[in-house]
Protein backbone atom coordinates (compact mmCIF):
# COMPACT_ATOMS: atom_id res chain seq x y z
CA MET A 1 94.75 110.64 133.11
CA SER A 2 94.02 111.62 129.52
CA GLN A 3 91.37 109.82 127.53
CA ARG A 4 92.34 108.09 124.31
CA PRO A 5 90.24 109.36 121.39
CA LEU A 6 87.64 107.02 119.92
CA PRO A 7 88.41 105.54 116.51
CA ALA A 8 86.91 107.61 113.71
CA LEU A 9 84.44 106.16 111.26
CA MET A 10 86.11 105.06 108.04
CA ALA A 11 84.47 107.67 105.79
CA GLU A 12 85.19 110.50 108.24
CA ARG A 13 88.77 109.33 108.73
CA ARG A 14 89.45 109.13 105.00
CA GLU A 15 87.87 112.53 104.35
CA ALA A 16 89.93 114.10 107.14
CA THR A 17 93.08 112.41 105.85
CA ALA A 18 92.54 113.70 102.31
CA ARG A 19 91.93 117.19 103.69
CA MET A 20 95.15 117.05 105.76
CA VAL A 21 97.20 115.92 102.78
CA ALA A 22 95.77 118.75 100.68
CA GLN A 23 96.51 121.34 103.39
CA GLN A 24 99.88 120.08 104.67
CA GLY A 25 101.26 118.49 101.51
CA SER A 26 102.08 115.22 103.26
CA VAL A 27 101.08 112.94 106.14
CA ARG A 28 102.75 110.07 107.99
CA VAL A 29 101.10 106.73 108.76
CA ALA A 30 102.29 106.77 112.39
CA ASP A 31 100.90 110.27 112.99
CA LEU A 32 97.52 109.41 111.46
CA ALA A 33 97.29 106.15 113.42
CA ALA A 34 97.87 108.03 116.67
CA GLN A 35 95.50 110.86 115.76
CA PHE A 36 92.64 108.55 114.79
CA ALA A 37 93.45 105.88 117.42
CA VAL A 38 93.60 103.08 114.86
CA ASN A 39 96.14 100.50 113.78
CA PRO A 40 98.74 101.65 111.19
CA ALA A 41 97.45 98.89 108.86
CA THR A 42 94.05 100.64 108.88
CA ILE A 43 95.71 103.90 107.83
CA ARG A 44 97.62 102.12 105.06
CA ARG A 45 94.33 100.69 103.74
CA ASP A 46 92.82 104.20 103.89
CA LEU A 47 95.77 105.64 101.96
CA ARG A 48 95.52 102.85 99.36
CA ALA A 49 91.82 103.64 98.86
CA LEU A 50 92.52 107.39 98.66
CA GLU A 51 95.27 106.76 96.11
CA GLU A 52 92.87 104.68 93.98
CA GLU A 53 90.47 107.65 94.07
CA GLY A 54 93.30 109.96 92.96
CA ALA A 55 93.17 111.99 96.19
CA VAL A 56 96.72 111.22 97.39
CA ARG A 57 99.90 109.51 96.28
CA ARG A 58 101.29 106.89 98.66
CA VAL A 59 104.97 107.04 99.54
CA HIS A 60 107.03 105.04 102.02
CA GLY A 61 105.65 105.80 105.48
CA GLY A 62 102.76 107.99 104.41
CA ALA A 63 101.25 109.96 101.54
CA VAL A 64 101.79 113.22 99.67
CA ALA A 65 99.55 115.52 97.71
CA VAL A 66 99.07 114.39 94.12
CA GLU A 67 100.30 117.67 92.63
CA GLN A 68 103.62 117.27 94.46
CA VAL A 69 104.61 114.17 92.51
CA LYS A 70 103.83 115.14 88.93
CA PRO A 71 107.03 114.33 87.08
CA GLU A 72 108.67 116.73 84.68
CA ALA A 73 107.59 114.36 81.90
CA ALA A 74 104.15 115.94 82.11
CA SER A 75 105.68 119.16 80.77
CA ILE A 76 107.26 117.44 77.75
CA ARG A 77 104.63 117.85 75.06
CA ALA A 78 104.77 116.19 71.65
CA GLU A 79 105.50 119.48 69.89
CA THR A 80 108.54 120.45 72.00
CA PRO A 81 112.07 120.10 70.63
CA GLU A 82 112.90 117.65 73.45
CA ALA A 83 110.00 115.39 72.48
CA ARG A 84 110.95 115.42 68.80
CA ILE A 85 114.59 114.63 69.61
CA GLY A 86 113.47 111.97 72.09
CA GLN A 87 111.36 110.29 69.42
CA ALA A 88 114.20 110.39 66.88
CA VAL A 89 116.64 108.87 69.38
CA ALA A 90 114.12 106.19 70.41
CA GLU A 91 113.81 105.12 66.76
CA MET A 92 117.54 104.23 66.82
CA VAL A 93 117.08 101.87 69.78
CA ALA A 94 116.46 98.19 69.04
CA ASP A 95 114.37 95.86 71.19
CA GLY A 96 116.48 94.03 73.76
CA GLU A 97 119.17 96.70 74.06
CA THR A 98 120.57 98.22 77.22
CA VAL A 99 120.19 102.00 77.22
CA PHE A 100 121.83 104.41 79.65
CA LEU A 101 119.76 107.54 80.26
CA GLY A 102 121.36 110.34 82.25
CA PRO A 103 119.43 112.97 84.19
CA GLY A 104 117.66 115.87 82.49
CA ARG A 105 114.80 116.78 80.18
CA LEU A 106 116.24 115.23 77.01
CA PRO A 107 116.91 111.76 78.50
CA LEU A 108 113.45 111.97 80.07
CA ALA A 109 111.96 112.70 76.64
CA VAL A 110 113.79 109.66 75.26
CA ALA A 111 112.40 107.54 78.11
CA CYS A 112 108.90 108.76 77.24
CA SER A 113 109.44 107.62 73.66
CA LEU A 114 110.65 104.11 74.54
CA THR A 115 107.29 102.75 75.67
CA ALA A 116 106.67 100.84 72.41
CA HIS A 117 109.94 98.92 72.72
CA SER A 118 110.23 95.54 74.40
CA ARG A 119 112.84 93.80 76.55
CA LEU A 120 114.86 96.96 77.17
CA THR A 121 117.14 97.39 80.13
CA ILE A 122 117.29 101.02 81.19
CA VAL A 123 120.19 102.17 83.36
CA SER A 124 119.90 105.64 84.84
CA ASN A 125 121.50 107.96 87.34
CA GLY A 126 118.56 110.37 86.98
CA LEU A 127 115.88 110.08 89.66
CA GLU A 128 113.16 111.63 87.53
CA VAL A 129 114.04 109.45 84.55
CA ALA A 130 114.11 106.34 86.76
CA HIS A 131 110.76 107.24 88.33
CA TRP A 132 109.14 107.67 84.92
CA VAL A 133 110.55 104.40 83.57
CA ALA A 134 109.49 102.50 86.71
CA THR A 135 105.94 103.83 86.66
CA HIS A 136 105.20 103.95 82.92
CA THR A 137 107.07 101.09 81.23
CA PRO A 138 107.57 97.33 81.56
CA HIS A 139 111.33 97.72 81.01
CA THR A 140 113.96 96.43 83.39
CA LEU A 141 115.33 99.39 85.35
CA ILE A 142 118.73 99.70 87.02
CA VAL A 143 119.37 102.84 89.10
CA THR A 144 122.99 103.61 89.91
CA GLY A 145 122.51 104.99 93.39
CA GLY A 146 124.58 107.87 94.69
CA GLN A 147 124.05 111.38 96.00
CA ALA A 148 121.32 113.53 94.43
CA GLU A 149 122.90 116.59 92.87
CA GLY A 150 121.48 119.63 91.13
CA HIS A 151 118.07 120.62 89.87
CA ASP A 152 117.89 117.63 87.49
CA LEU A 153 118.15 115.16 90.41
CA GLY A 154 121.14 113.38 88.93
CA LEU A 155 122.93 110.85 91.11
CA GLY A 156 126.67 111.31 91.48
CA GLY A 157 129.50 110.57 93.84
CA GLN A 158 131.53 107.44 94.47
CA LEU A 159 128.55 105.06 94.57
CA ALA A 160 127.33 106.21 91.14
CA ARG A 161 130.86 106.04 89.67
CA SER A 162 131.33 102.53 91.05
CA ALA A 163 128.01 101.32 89.61
CA LEU A 164 128.65 102.90 86.22
CA SER A 165 132.12 101.39 85.96
CA SER A 166 130.64 97.88 86.12
CA LEU A 167 127.76 98.39 83.66
CA ARG A 168 127.73 98.28 79.86
CA ALA A 169 125.13 99.78 77.52
CA ASN A 170 124.39 99.69 73.80
CA ARG A 171 123.26 103.33 73.85
CA LEU A 172 124.23 106.32 75.99
CA ILE A 173 121.92 109.34 76.12
CA LEU A 174 123.13 112.36 78.07
CA GLU A 175 122.12 115.99 78.28
CA LEU A 176 125.01 118.43 78.33
CA GLY A 177 124.93 121.99 79.59
CA GLY A 178 127.74 123.01 77.28
CA VAL A 179 131.01 121.96 75.71
CA SER A 180 134.23 123.88 75.42
CA ALA A 181 137.67 123.15 74.01
CA THR A 182 139.28 123.88 77.38
CA GLY A 183 136.98 121.68 79.46
């Protein structure tokens, strides 16, 4: 008969959890609860406290290392062409409009420039764009759904097409890889 481990002290448990996240990149609530012989609610409180300290980032069912979730927006500096274009496009948007932002660096730069606006509805099929809008603005966000495709994490497929066919926007901001006369 194996002995169940004794519950760890809170400080020790949190320190060990932060260390595991740093080493492994991610942890699951269920695994930590079993390892430390505590209730999953205790682990969720630990992860909330560690997130407030900036040690981890909570995700559904666990936590990941903070450096794993830095959005591409962090690499869009004010002096980059994308940032300048994003600012110019944002100046054309009026408060209260519905704006569609596709996936990619340019729509993300536009999203970063829309923080001063109010009452916007942002529709996006770009996961990174949607994440940035959800975490950095008070705007209403609609995400199309669909299958993640490509390096820009754009959502496509039938679900995305169906959602887009029923939505209307005042502005449409897309990033194109290229245009040719033959398609």
